[in-house]
Amino acid sequence: MRLIRNLLISSAISGLILTGSLADDALIAKGDKIFNTKNIGNCFACHAISGKSIDGPGSFGPDLATVSEYPDELLYDMIYDIYTAKGLKISAMPSFGKNGWLNDDEIKAVVAYLKSK
């Protein structure tokens, strides 16, 4: 009886890990699309991600090579409203969330994509 219970618990945990992994993969793929699509996020127009070949100039904004080390909340806040997040008065980066260009789910997807780099 104990063995069966332990096997069921192990199966449930494995299923949750796999489901979480698939959800993460889908979120990362969505973020990749937003980051690299001109008429959605268009992030690649200004930002390069070291180690990934992108189709864009990627030299106007900072290289995002180490962005995966940033806290999730900071990345979210910088995409939502760079001015508030970094205390800036001037920036070429638009406030994607504050301006309504990206919704909450889209920003979270971009964060997941950046964290995967």
PDB file of N, CA and C in Angstrom:
ATOM      1  N   MET A   1       0.823  -1.189   0.000  1.00  0.00           N
ATOM      2  CA  MET A   1       0.000   0.000   0.000  1.00  0.00           C
ATOM      3  C   MET A   1       0.875   1.263   0.000  1.00  0.00           C
ATOM      4  N   ARG A   2       1.879   1.242   0.846  1.00  0.00           N
ATOM      5  CA  ARG A   2       2.787   2.383   0.950  1.00  0.00           C
ATOM      6  C   ARG A   2       3.540   2.597  -0.372  1.00  0.00           C
ATOM      7  N   LEU A   3       3.963   1.495  -0.988  1.00  0.00           N
ATOM      8  CA  LEU A   3       4.679   1.574  -2.259  1.00  0.00           C
ATOM      9  C   LEU A   3       3.793   2.197  -3.340  1.00  0.00           C
ATOM     10  N   ILE A   4       2.553   1.790  -3.397  1.00  0.00           N
ATOM     11  CA  ILE A   4       1.619   2.335  -4.386  1.00  0.00           C
ATOM     12  C   ILE A   4       1.403   3.831  -4.153  1.00  0.00           C
ATOM     13  N   ARG A   5       1.239   4.213  -2.893  1.00  0.00           N
ATOM     14  CA  ARG A   5       1.051   5.637  -2.569  1.00  0.00           C
ATOM     15  C   ARG A   5       2.276   6.444  -3.001  1.00  0.00           C
ATOM     16  N   ASN A   6       3.470   5.925  -2.710  1.00  0.00           N
ATOM     17  CA  ASN A   6       4.699   6.626  -3.091  1.00  0.00           C
ATOM     18  C   ASN A   6       4.845   6.732  -4.607  1.00  0.00           C
ATOM     19  N   LEU A   7       4.463   5.678  -5.308  1.00  0.00           N
ATOM     20  CA  LEU A   7       4.518   5.715  -6.773  1.00  0.00           C
ATOM     21  C   LEU A   7       3.533   6.748  -7.328  1.00  0.00           C
ATOM     22  N   LEU A   8       2.346   6.806  -6.746  1.00  0.00           N
ATOM     23  CA  LEU A   8       1.354   7.792  -7.190  1.00  0.00           C
ATOM     24  C   LEU A   8       1.850   9.219  -6.930  1.00  0.00           C
ATOM     25  N   ILE A   9       2.436   9.436  -5.790  1.00  0.00           N
ATOM     26  CA  ILE A   9       2.965  10.767  -5.468  1.00  0.00           C
ATOM     27  C   ILE A   9       4.098  11.121  -6.422  1.00  0.00           C
ATOM     28  N   SER A  10       4.992  10.170  -6.675  1.00  0.00           N
ATOM     29  CA  SER A  10       6.099  10.411  -7.614  1.00  0.00           C
ATOM     30  C   SER A  10       5.585  10.724  -9.014  1.00  0.00           C
ATOM     31  N   SER A  11       4.577   9.986  -9.451  1.00  0.00           N
ATOM     32  CA  SER A  11       3.991  10.228 -10.774  1.00  0.00           C
ATOM     33  C   SER A  11       3.365  11.614 -10.850  1.00  0.00           C
ATOM     34  N   ALA A  12       2.667  11.991  -9.795  1.00  0.00           N
ATOM     35  CA  ALA A  12       2.026  13.311  -9.777  1.00  0.00           C
ATOM     36  C   ALA A  12       3.070  14.420  -9.828  1.00  0.00           C
ATOM     37  N   ILE A  13       4.135  14.283  -9.061  1.00  0.00           N
ATOM     38  CA  ILE A  13       5.197  15.297  -9.054  1.00  0.00           C
ATOM     39  C   ILE A  13       5.865  15.361 -10.416  1.00  0.00           C
ATOM     40  N   SER A  14       6.157  14.211 -11.010  1.00  0.00           N
ATOM     41  CA  SER A  14       6.766  14.189 -12.349  1.00  0.00           C
ATOM     42  C   SER A  14       5.864  14.866 -13.369  1.00  0.00           C
ATOM     43  N   GLY A  15       4.572  14.609 -13.265  1.00  0.00           N
ATOM     44  CA  GLY A  15       3.613  15.233 -14.175  1.00  0.00           C
ATOM     45  C   GLY A  15       3.590  16.738 -14.014  1.00  0.00           C
ATOM     46  N   LEU A  16       3.646  17.205 -12.782  1.00  0.00           N
ATOM     47  CA  LEU A  16       3.662  18.654 -12.535  1.00  0.00           C
ATOM     48  C   LEU A  16       4.923  19.286 -13.091  1.00  0.00           C
ATOM     49  N   ILE A  17       6.065  18.622 -12.909  1.00  0.00           N
ATOM     50  CA  ILE A  17       7.326  19.154 -13.432  1.00  0.00           C
ATOM     51  C   ILE A  17       7.269  19.226 -14.946  1.00  0.00           C
ATOM     52  N   LEU A  18       6.791  18.170 -15.585  1.00  0.00           N
ATOM     53  CA  LEU A  18       6.687  18.149 -17.043  1.00  0.00           C
ATOM     54  C   LEU A  18       5.717  19.206 -17.532  1.00  0.00           C
ATOM     55  N   THR A  19       4.564  19.325 -16.887  1.00  0.00           N
ATOM     56  CA  THR A  19       3.575  20.327 -17.275  1.00  0.00           C
ATOM     57  C   THR A  19       4.153  21.728 -17.115  1.00  0.00           C
ATOM     58  N   GLY A  20       4.849  21.977 -16.001  1.00  0.00           N
ATOM     59  CA  GLY A  20       5.479  23.275 -15.775  1.00  0.00           C
ATOM     60  C   GLY A  20       6.530  23.566 -16.824  1.00  0.00           C
ATOM     61  N   SER A  21       7.285  22.540 -17.185  1.00  0.00           N
ATOM     62  CA  SER A  21       8.318  22.703 -18.197  1.00  0.00           C
ATOM     63  C   SER A  21       7.710  23.046 -19.550  1.00  0.00           C
ATOM     64  N   LEU A  22       6.625  22.355 -19.908  1.00  0.00           N
ATOM     65  CA  LEU A  22       5.955  22.642 -21.177  1.00  0.00           C
ATOM     66  C   LEU A  22       5.360  24.045 -21.168  1.00  0.00           C
ATOM     67  N   ALA A  23       4.797  24.449 -20.036  1.00  0.00           N
ATOM     68  CA  ALA A  23       4.234  25.795 -19.916  1.00  0.00           C
ATOM     69  C   ALA A  23       5.346  26.834 -20.050  1.00  0.00           C
ATOM     70  N   ASP A  24       6.485  26.567 -19.412  1.00  0.00           N
ATOM     71  CA  ASP A  24       7.610  27.481 -19.526  1.00  0.00           C
ATOM     72  C   ASP A  24       8.087  27.582 -20.963  1.00  0.00           C
ATOM     73  N   ASP A  25       8.167  26.439 -21.652  1.00  0.00           N
ATOM     74  CA  ASP A  25       8.597  26.433 -23.048  1.00  0.00           C
ATOM     75  C   ASP A  25       7.647  27.249 -23.917  1.00  0.00           C
ATOM     76  N   ALA A  26       6.359  27.131 -23.671  1.00  0.00           N
ATOM     77  CA  ALA A  26       5.367  27.882 -24.445  1.00  0.00           C
ATOM     78  C   ALA A  26       5.485  29.380 -24.154  1.00  0.00           C
ATOM     79  N   LEU A  27       5.710  29.725 -22.894  1.00  0.00           N
ATOM     80  CA  LEU A  27       5.858  31.126 -22.514  1.00  0.00           C
ATOM     81  C   LEU A  27       7.126  31.721 -23.130  1.00  0.00           C
ATOM     82  N   ILE A  28       8.216  30.957 -23.110  1.00  0.00           N
ATOM     83  CA  ILE A  28       9.475  31.404 -23.712  1.00  0.00           C
ATOM     84  C   ILE A  28       9.302  31.593 -25.213  1.00  0.00           C
ATOM     85  N   ALA A  29       8.619  30.666 -25.869  1.00  0.00           N
ATOM     86  CA  ALA A  29       8.380  30.776 -27.316  1.00  0.00           C
ATOM     87  C   ALA A  29       7.549  32.015 -27.633  1.00  0.00           C
ATOM     88  N   LYS A  30       6.549  32.295 -26.794  1.00  0.00           N
ATOM     89  CA  LYS A  30       5.733  33.495 -26.985  1.00  0.00           C
ATOM     90  C   LYS A  30       6.593  34.749 -26.822  1.00  0.00           C
ATOM     91  N   GLY A  31       7.457  34.747 -25.801  1.00  0.00           N
ATOM     92  CA  GLY A  31       8.354  35.884 -25.578  1.00  0.00           C
ATOM     93  C   GLY A  31       9.344  36.071 -26.711  1.00  0.00           C
ATOM     94  N   ASP A  32       9.836  34.958 -27.263  1.00  0.00           N
ATOM     95  CA  ASP A  32      10.748  35.006 -28.411  1.00  0.00           C
ATOM     96  C   ASP A  32      10.059  35.690 -29.589  1.00  0.00           C
ATOM     97  N   LYS A  33       8.821  35.307 -29.824  1.00  0.00           N
ATOM     98  CA  LYS A  33       8.061  35.896 -30.939  1.00  0.00           C
ATOM     99  C   LYS A  33       7.864  37.399 -30.727  1.00  0.00           C
ATOM    100  N   ILE A  34       7.498  37.790 -29.516  1.00  0.00           N
ATOM    101  CA  ILE A  34       7.286  39.211 -29.221  1.00  0.00           C
ATOM    102  C   ILE A  34       8.586  39.982 -29.377  1.00  0.00           C
ATOM    103  N   PHE A  35       9.671  39.436 -28.832  1.00  0.00           N
ATOM    104  CA  PHE A  35      10.971  40.100 -28.877  1.00  0.00           C
ATOM    105  C   PHE A  35      11.452  40.295 -30.316  1.00  0.00           C
ATOM    106  N   ASN A  36      11.247  39.291 -31.145  1.00  0.00           N
ATOM    107  CA  ASN A  36      11.832  39.270 -32.488  1.00  0.00           C
ATOM    108  C   ASN A  36      10.877  39.595 -33.625  1.00  0.00           C
ATOM    109  N   THR A  37       9.683  40.088 -33.332  1.00  0.00           N
ATOM    110  CA  THR A  37       8.722  40.430 -34.376  1.00  0.00           C
ATOM    111  C   THR A  37       8.566  41.941 -34.443  1.00  0.00           C
ATOM    112  N   LYS A  38       8.764  42.462 -35.630  1.00  0.00           N
ATOM    113  CA  LYS A  38       8.775  43.917 -35.819  1.00  0.00           C
ATOM    114  C   LYS A  38       7.487  44.599 -35.384  1.00  0.00           C
ATOM    115  N   ASN A  39       6.337  44.016 -35.706  1.00  0.00           N
ATOM    116  CA  ASN A  39       5.077  44.713 -35.405  1.00  0.00           C
ATOM    117  C   ASN A  39       4.469  44.329 -34.057  1.00  0.00           C
ATOM    118  N   ILE A  40       5.231  43.617 -33.216  1.00  0.00           N
ATOM    119  CA  ILE A  40       4.725  43.295 -31.872  1.00  0.00           C
ATOM    120  C   ILE A  40       5.591  44.037 -30.852  1.00  0.00           C
ATOM    121  N   GLY A  41       6.705  43.441 -30.450  1.00  0.00           N
ATOM    122  CA  GLY A  41       7.590  44.072 -29.464  1.00  0.00           C
ATOM    123  C   GLY A  41       8.717  44.842 -30.124  1.00  0.00           C
ATOM    124  N   ASN A  42       9.255  44.240 -31.177  1.00  0.00           N
ATOM    125  CA  ASN A  42      10.333  44.862 -31.936  1.00  0.00           C
ATOM    126  C   ASN A  42      11.564  45.153 -31.080  1.00  0.00           C
ATOM    127  N   CYS A  43      11.773  44.374 -30.033  1.00  0.00           N
ATOM    128  CA  CYS A  43      12.905  44.587 -29.129  1.00  0.00           C
ATOM    129  C   CYS A  43      14.242  44.434 -29.866  1.00  0.00           C
ATOM    130  N   PHE A  44      14.265  43.500 -30.831  1.00  0.00           N
ATOM    131  CA  PHE A  44      15.503  43.220 -31.542  1.00  0.00           C
ATOM    132  C   PHE A  44      15.995  44.419 -32.348  1.00  0.00           C
ATOM    133  N   ALA A  45      15.141  45.394 -32.591  1.00  0.00           N
ATOM    134  CA  ALA A  45      15.556  46.575 -33.345  1.00  0.00           C
ATOM    135  C   ALA A  45      16.605  47.374 -32.582  1.00  0.00           C
ATOM    136  N   CYS A  46      16.576  47.286 -31.261  1.00  0.00           N
ATOM    137  CA  CYS A  46      17.517  48.050 -30.434  1.00  0.00           C
ATOM    138  C   CYS A  46      18.440  47.179 -29.591  1.00  0.00           C
ATOM    139  N   HIS A  47      18.020  45.975 -29.277  1.00  0.00           N
ATOM    140  CA  HIS A  47      18.780  45.132 -28.344  1.00  0.00           C
ATOM    141  C   HIS A  47      19.288  43.865 -29.005  1.00  0.00           C
ATOM    142  N   ALA A  48      20.549  43.567 -28.764  1.00  0.00           N
ATOM    143  CA  ALA A  48      21.129  42.286 -29.149  1.00  0.00           C
ATOM    144  C   ALA A  48      21.145  41.391 -27.921  1.00  0.00           C
ATOM    145  N   ILE A  49      21.078  40.119 -28.162  1.00  0.00           N
ATOM    146  CA  ILE A  49      21.268  39.141 -27.098  1.00  0.00           C
ATOM    147  C   ILE A  49      22.467  38.318 -27.514  1.00  0.00           C
ATOM    148  N   SER A  50      23.557  38.453 -26.784  1.00  0.00           N
ATOM    149  CA  SER A  50      24.795  37.748 -27.141  1.00  0.00           C
ATOM    150  C   SER A  50      24.547  36.264 -27.312  1.00  0.00           C
ATOM    151  N   GLY A  51      25.171  35.715 -28.344  1.00  0.00           N
ATOM    152  CA  GLY A  51      25.046  34.292 -28.595  1.00  0.00           C
ATOM    153  C   GLY A  51      23.856  33.925 -29.453  1.00  0.00           C
ATOM    154  N   LYS A  52      22.997  34.870 -29.773  1.00  0.00           N
ATOM    155  CA  LYS A  52      21.834  34.582 -30.615  1.00  0.00           C
ATOM    156  C   LYS A  52      21.886  35.487 -31.829  1.00  0.00           C
ATOM    157  N   SER A  53      21.821  34.899 -32.990  1.00  0.00           N
ATOM    158  CA  SER A  53      21.781  35.663 -34.223  1.00  0.00           C
ATOM    159  C   SER A  53      20.393  36.266 -34.377  1.00  0.00           C
ATOM    160  N   ILE A  54      20.332  37.571 -34.521  1.00  0.00           N
ATOM    161  CA  ILE A  54      19.038  38.228 -34.671  1.00  0.00           C
ATOM    162  C   ILE A  54      19.023  39.029 -35.958  1.00  0.00           C
ATOM    163  N   ASP A  55      17.844  39.280 -36.456  1.00  0.00           N
ATOM    164  CA  ASP A  55      17.660  40.022 -37.688  1.00  0.00           C
ATOM    165  C   ASP A  55      17.289  41.459 -37.347  1.00  0.00           C
ATOM    166  N   GLY A  56      18.265  42.225 -36.930  1.00  0.00           N
ATOM    167  CA  GLY A  56      18.026  43.615 -36.568  1.00  0.00           C
ATOM    168  C   GLY A  56      19.328  44.282 -36.196  1.00  0.00           C
ATOM    169  N   PRO A  57      19.325  45.581 -36.139  1.00  0.00           N
ATOM    170  CA  PRO A  57      20.566  46.285 -35.844  1.00  0.00           C
ATOM    171  C   PRO A  57      21.091  45.981 -34.447  1.00  0.00           C
ATOM    172  N   GLY A  58      20.236  45.945 -33.454  1.00  0.00           N
ATOM    173  CA  GLY A  58      20.608  45.523 -32.116  1.00  0.00           C
ATOM    174  C   GLY A  58      21.743  46.281 -31.467  1.00  0.00           C
ATOM    175  N   SER A  59      21.981  47.510 -31.906  1.00  0.00           N
ATOM    176  CA  SER A  59      23.113  48.237 -31.334  1.00  0.00           C
ATOM    177  C   SER A  59      22.701  49.544 -30.670  1.00  0.00           C
ATOM    178  N   PHE A  60      21.450  49.926 -30.754  1.00  0.00           N
ATOM    179  CA  PHE A  60      20.997  51.191 -30.185  1.00  0.00           C
ATOM    180  C   PHE A  60      20.865  51.092 -28.669  1.00  0.00           C
ATOM    181  N   GLY A  61      20.228  50.036 -28.205  1.00  0.00           N
ATOM    182  CA  GLY A  61      20.068  49.814 -26.769  1.00  0.00           C
ATOM    183  C   GLY A  61      21.173  48.920 -26.255  1.00  0.00           C
ATOM    184  N   PRO A  62      21.223  48.719 -24.946  1.00  0.00           N
ATOM    185  CA  PRO A  62      22.274  47.857 -24.395  1.00  0.00           C
ATOM    186  C   PRO A  62      22.112  46.405 -24.821  1.00  0.00           C
ATOM    187  N   ASP A  63      23.242  45.707 -24.939  1.00  0.00           N
ATOM    188  CA  ASP A  63      23.254  44.279 -25.203  1.00  0.00           C
ATOM    189  C   ASP A  63      22.672  43.593 -23.967  1.00  0.00           C
ATOM    190  N   LEU A  64      21.792  42.651 -24.166  1.00  0.00           N
ATOM    191  CA  LEU A  64      21.098  41.996 -23.066  1.00  0.00           C
ATOM    192  C   LEU A  64      21.768  40.682 -22.664  1.00  0.00           C
ATOM    193  N   ALA A  65      23.094  40.617 -22.808  1.00  0.00           N
ATOM    194  CA  ALA A  65      23.840  39.388 -22.542  1.00  0.00           C
ATOM    195  C   ALA A  65      23.667  38.889 -21.115  1.00  0.00           C
ATOM    196  N   THR A  66      23.609  39.782 -20.151  1.00  0.00           N
ATOM    197  CA  THR A  66      23.554  39.360 -18.744  1.00  0.00           C
ATOM    198  C   THR A  66      22.173  39.569 -18.117  1.00  0.00           C
ATOM    199  N   VAL A  67      21.194  39.862 -18.931  1.00  0.00           N
ATOM    200  CA  VAL A  67      19.871  40.197 -18.415  1.00  0.00           C
ATOM    201  C   VAL A  67      19.217  39.028 -17.678  1.00  0.00           C
ATOM    202  N   SER A  68      19.618  37.803 -17.961  1.00  0.00           N
ATOM    203  CA  SER A  68      19.020  36.653 -17.273  1.00  0.00           C
ATOM    204  C   SER A  68      19.339  36.660 -15.774  1.00  0.00           C
ATOM    205  N   GLU A  69      20.330  37.431 -15.382  1.00  0.00           N
ATOM    206  CA  GLU A  69      20.704  37.525 -13.964  1.00  0.00           C
ATOM    207  C   GLU A  69      19.857  38.563 -13.217  1.00  0.00           C
ATOM    208  N   TYR A  70      19.111  39.370 -13.934  1.00  0.00           N
ATOM    209  CA  TYR A  70      18.275  40.390 -13.298  1.00  0.00           C
ATOM    210  C   TYR A  70      17.088  39.731 -12.603  1.00  0.00           C
ATOM    211  N   PRO A  71      16.605  40.318 -11.526  1.00  0.00           N
ATOM    212  CA  PRO A  71      15.373  39.801 -10.916  1.00  0.00           C
ATOM    213  C   PRO A  71      14.188  39.940 -11.887  1.00  0.00           C
ATOM    214  N   ASP A  72      13.284  38.971 -11.854  1.00  0.00           N
ATOM    215  CA  ASP A  72      12.114  38.982 -12.737  1.00  0.00           C
ATOM    216  C   ASP A  72      11.325  40.283 -12.610  1.00  0.00           C
ATOM    217  N   GLU A  73      11.131  40.729 -11.374  1.00  0.00           N
ATOM    218  CA  GLU A  73      10.336  41.938 -11.146  1.00  0.00           C
ATOM    219  C   GLU A  73      10.966  43.159 -11.796  1.00  0.00           C
ATOM    220  N   LEU A  74      12.293  43.273 -11.721  1.00  0.00           N
ATOM    221  CA  LEU A  74      12.976  44.411 -12.339  1.00  0.00           C
ATOM    222  C   LEU A  74      12.818  44.367 -13.852  1.00  0.00           C
ATOM    223  N   LEU A  75      12.991  43.191 -14.452  1.00  0.00           N
ATOM    224  CA  LEU A  75      12.808  43.069 -15.903  1.00  0.00           C
ATOM    225  C   LEU A  75      11.390  43.457 -16.305  1.00  0.00           C
ATOM    226  N   TYR A  76      10.412  42.952 -15.558  1.00  0.00           N
ATOM    227  CA  TYR A  76       9.018  43.280 -15.845  1.00  0.00           C
ATOM    228  C   TYR A  76       8.816  44.801 -15.769  1.00  0.00           C
ATOM    229  N   ASP A  77       9.292  45.388 -14.672  1.00  0.00           N
ATOM    230  CA  ASP A  77       9.113  46.828 -14.470  1.00  0.00           C
ATOM    231  C   ASP A  77       9.808  47.648 -15.555  1.00  0.00           C
ATOM    232  N   MET A  78      10.977  47.199 -16.006  1.00  0.00           N
ATOM    233  CA  MET A  78      11.699  47.940 -17.050  1.00  0.00           C
ATOM    234  C   MET A  78      10.954  47.884 -18.376  1.00  0.00           C
ATOM    235  N   ILE A  79      10.327  46.765 -18.667  1.00  0.00           N
ATOM    236  CA  ILE A  79       9.547  46.664 -19.900  1.00  0.00           C
ATOM    237  C   ILE A  79       8.243  47.439 -19.763  1.00  0.00           C
ATOM    238  N   TYR A  80       7.624  47.337 -18.603  1.00  0.00           N
ATOM    239  CA  TYR A  80       6.357  48.033 -18.374  1.00  0.00           C
ATOM    240  C   TYR A  80       6.547  49.554 -18.463  1.00  0.00           C
ATOM    241  N   ASP A  81       7.525  50.072 -17.710  1.00  0.00           N
ATOM    242  CA  ASP A  81       7.785  51.523 -17.702  1.00  0.00           C
ATOM    243  C   ASP A  81       9.229  51.766 -17.291  1.00  0.00           C
ATOM    244  N   ILE A  82      10.093  51.881 -18.261  1.00  0.00           N
ATOM    245  CA  ILE A  82      11.529  52.046 -18.024  1.00  0.00           C
ATOM    246  C   ILE A  82      11.825  53.292 -17.195  1.00  0.00           C
ATOM    247  N   TYR A  83      11.020  54.323 -17.354  1.00  0.00           N
ATOM    248  CA  TYR A  83      11.269  55.579 -16.645  1.00  0.00           C
ATOM    249  C   TYR A  83      11.123  55.401 -15.136  1.00  0.00           C
ATOM    250  N   THR A  84      10.056  54.765 -14.714  1.00  0.00           N
ATOM    251  CA  THR A  84       9.830  54.535 -13.290  1.00  0.00           C
ATOM    252  C   THR A  84      10.798  53.491 -12.748  1.00  0.00           C
ATOM    253  N   ALA A  85      11.002  52.409 -13.486  1.00  0.00           N
ATOM    254  CA  ALA A  85      11.841  51.305 -13.022  1.00  0.00           C
ATOM    255  C   ALA A  85      13.284  51.731 -12.786  1.00  0.00           C
ATOM    256  N   LYS A  86      13.802  52.579 -13.651  1.00  0.00           N
ATOM    257  CA  LYS A  86      15.208  52.988 -13.547  1.00  0.00           C
ATOM    258  C   LYS A  86      15.371  54.428 -13.072  1.00  0.00           C
ATOM    259  N   GLY A  87      14.263  55.114 -12.795  1.00  0.00           N
ATOM    260  CA  GLY A  87      14.339  56.496 -12.342  1.00  0.00           C
ATOM    261  C   GLY A  87      14.887  57.437 -13.402  1.00  0.00           C
ATOM    262  N   LEU A  88      14.523  57.186 -14.653  1.00  0.00           N
ATOM    263  CA  LEU A  88      15.040  57.974 -15.773  1.00  0.00           C
ATOM    264  C   LEU A  88      14.107  59.121 -16.133  1.00  0.00           C
ATOM    265  N   LYS A  89      14.682  60.163 -16.668  1.00  0.00           N
ATOM    266  CA  LYS A  89      13.893  61.265 -17.220  1.00  0.00           C
ATOM    267  C   LYS A  89      13.842  61.158 -18.743  1.00  0.00           C
ATOM    268  N   ILE A  90      14.905  60.589 -19.331  1.00  0.00           N
ATOM    269  CA  ILE A  90      15.001  60.460 -20.789  1.00  0.00           C
ATOM    270  C   ILE A  90      15.447  59.044 -21.124  1.00  0.00           C
ATOM    271  N   SER A  91      14.760  58.435 -22.088  1.00  0.00           N
ATOM    272  CA  SER A  91      15.140  57.117 -22.593  1.00  0.00           C
ATOM    273  C   SER A  91      14.533  56.947 -23.980  1.00  0.00           C
ATOM    274  N   ALA A  92      15.260  56.273 -24.835  1.00  0.00           N
ATOM    275  CA  ALA A  92      14.712  55.965 -26.156  1.00  0.00           C
ATOM    276  C   ALA A  92      13.759  54.779 -26.099  1.00  0.00           C
ATOM    277  N   MET A  93      13.827  54.010 -25.003  1.00  0.00           N
ATOM    278  CA  MET A  93      12.964  52.839 -24.879  1.00  0.00           C
ATOM    279  C   MET A  93      11.557  53.264 -24.466  1.00  0.00           C
ATOM    280  N   PRO A  94      10.567  52.827 -25.210  1.00  0.00           N
ATOM    281  CA  PRO A  94       9.188  53.164 -24.821  1.00  0.00           C
ATOM    282  C   PRO A  94       8.741  52.365 -23.606  1.00  0.00           C
ATOM    283  N   SER A  95       7.751  52.866 -22.930  1.00  0.00           N
ATOM    284  CA  SER A  95       7.127  52.165 -21.806  1.00  0.00           C
ATOM    285  C   SER A  95       6.055  51.252 -22.375  1.00  0.00           C
ATOM    286  N   PHE A  96       6.436  50.017 -22.693  1.00  0.00           N
ATOM    287  CA  PHE A  96       5.559  49.106 -23.418  1.00  0.00           C
ATOM    288  C   PHE A  96       4.263  48.800 -22.686  1.00  0.00           C
ATOM    289  N   GLY A  97       4.312  48.621 -21.385  1.00  0.00           N
ATOM    290  CA  GLY A  97       3.097  48.318 -20.634  1.00  0.00           C
ATOM    291  C   GLY A  97       2.277  49.547 -20.342  1.00  0.00           C
ATOM    292  N   LYS A  98       2.931  50.577 -19.878  1.00  0.00           N
ATOM    293  CA  LYS A  98       2.232  51.813 -19.526  1.00  0.00           C
ATOM    294  C   LYS A  98       1.527  52.409 -20.737  1.00  0.00           C
ATOM    295  N   ASN A  99       2.139  52.290 -21.909  1.00  0.00           N
ATOM    296  CA  ASN A  99       1.538  52.805 -23.138  1.00  0.00           C
ATOM    297  C   ASN A  99       0.521  51.848 -23.750  1.00  0.00           C
ATOM    298  N   GLY A 100       0.404  50.641 -23.186  1.00  0.00           N
ATOM    299  CA  GLY A 100      -0.573  49.680 -23.690  1.00  0.00           C
ATOM    300  C   GLY A 100      -0.118  48.899 -24.907  1.00  0.00           C
ATOM    301  N   TRP A 101       1.151  48.963 -25.256  1.00  0.00           N
ATOM    302  CA  TRP A 101       1.649  48.216 -26.423  1.00  0.00           C
ATOM    303  C   TRP A 101       1.744  46.729 -26.136  1.00  0.00           C
ATOM    304  N   LEU A 102       2.097  46.389 -24.879  1.00  0.00           N
ATOM    305  CA  LEU A 102       2.131  44.991 -24.468  1.00  0.00           C
ATOM    306  C   LEU A 102       1.289  44.838 -23.211  1.00  0.00           C
ATOM    307  N   ASN A 103       0.529  43.744 -23.149  1.00  0.00           N
ATOM    308  CA  ASN A 103      -0.272  43.501 -21.946  1.00  0.00           C
ATOM    309  C   ASN A 103       0.561  42.720 -20.923  1.00  0.00           C
ATOM    310  N   ASP A 104      -0.035  42.451 -19.783  1.00  0.00           N
ATOM    311  CA  ASP A 104       0.652  41.781 -18.686  1.00  0.00           C
ATOM    312  C   ASP A 104       1.227  40.428 -19.117  1.00  0.00           C
ATOM    313  N   ASP A 105       0.422  39.608 -19.801  1.00  0.00           N
ATOM    314  CA  ASP A 105       0.883  38.288 -20.240  1.00  0.00           C
ATOM    315  C   ASP A 105       2.028  38.387 -21.242  1.00  0.00           C
ATOM    316  N   GLU A 106       1.969  39.355 -22.124  1.00  0.00           N
ATOM    317  CA  GLU A 106       3.035  39.529 -23.113  1.00  0.00           C
ATOM    318  C   GLU A 106       4.336  39.963 -22.451  1.00  0.00           C
ATOM    319  N   ILE A 107       4.239  40.849 -21.476  1.00  0.00           N
ATOM    320  CA  ILE A 107       5.448  41.283 -20.760  1.00  0.00           C
ATOM    321  C   ILE A 107       6.047  40.107 -19.999  1.00  0.00           C
ATOM    322  N   LYS A 108       5.206  39.307 -19.358  1.00  0.00           N
ATOM    323  CA  LYS A 108       5.696  38.127 -18.643  1.00  0.00           C
ATOM    324  C   LYS A 108       6.369  37.147 -19.602  1.00  0.00           C
ATOM    325  N   ALA A 109       5.855  37.035 -20.812  1.00  0.00           N
ATOM    326  CA  ALA A 109       6.461  36.157 -21.816  1.00  0.00           C
ATOM    327  C   ALA A 109       7.832  36.681 -22.232  1.00  0.00           C
ATOM    328  N   VAL A 110       7.953  37.975 -22.412  1.00  0.00           N
ATOM    329  CA  VAL A 110       9.254  38.558 -22.770  1.00  0.00           C
ATOM    330  C   VAL A 110      10.249  38.348 -21.630  1.00  0.00           C
ATOM    331  N   VAL A 111       9.792  38.511 -20.402  1.00  0.00           N
ATOM    332  CA  VAL A 111      10.665  38.270 -19.241  1.00  0.00           C
ATOM    333  C   VAL A 111      11.135  36.814 -19.243  1.00  0.00           C
ATOM    334  N   ALA A 112      10.219  35.874 -19.473  1.00  0.00           N
ATOM    335  CA  ALA A 112      10.587  34.447 -19.520  1.00  0.00           C
ATOM    336  C   ALA A 112      11.604  34.198 -20.611  1.00  0.00           C
ATOM    337  N   TYR A 113      11.405  34.814 -21.767  1.00  0.00           N
ATOM    338  CA  TYR A 113      12.352  34.648 -22.888  1.00  0.00           C
ATOM    339  C   TYR A 113      13.721  35.208 -22.502  1.00  0.00           C
ATOM    340  N   LEU A 114      13.761  36.395 -21.930  1.00  0.00           N
ATOM    341  CA  LEU A 114      15.038  37.007 -21.549  1.00  0.00           C
ATOM    342  C   LEU A 114      15.739  36.177 -20.465  1.00  0.00           C
ATOM    343  N   LYS A 115      14.976  35.642 -19.531  1.00  0.00           N
ATOM    344  CA  LYS A 115      15.570  34.816 -18.468  1.00  0.00           C
ATOM    345  C   LYS A 115      16.133  33.510 -19.011  1.00  0.00           C
ATOM    346  N   SER A 116      15.664  33.067 -20.178  1.00  0.00           N
ATOM    347  CA  SER A 116      16.131  31.812 -20.769  1.00  0.00           C
ATOM    348  C   SER A 116      17.439  31.983 -21.529  1.00  0.00           C
ATOM    349  N   LYS A 117      17.890  33.184 -21.695  1.00  0.00           N
ATOM    350  CA  LYS A 117      19.103  33.451 -22.468  1.00  0.00           C
ATOM    351  C   LYS A 117      20.337  33.332 -21.633  1.00  0.00           C
TER     352      LYS A 117
END
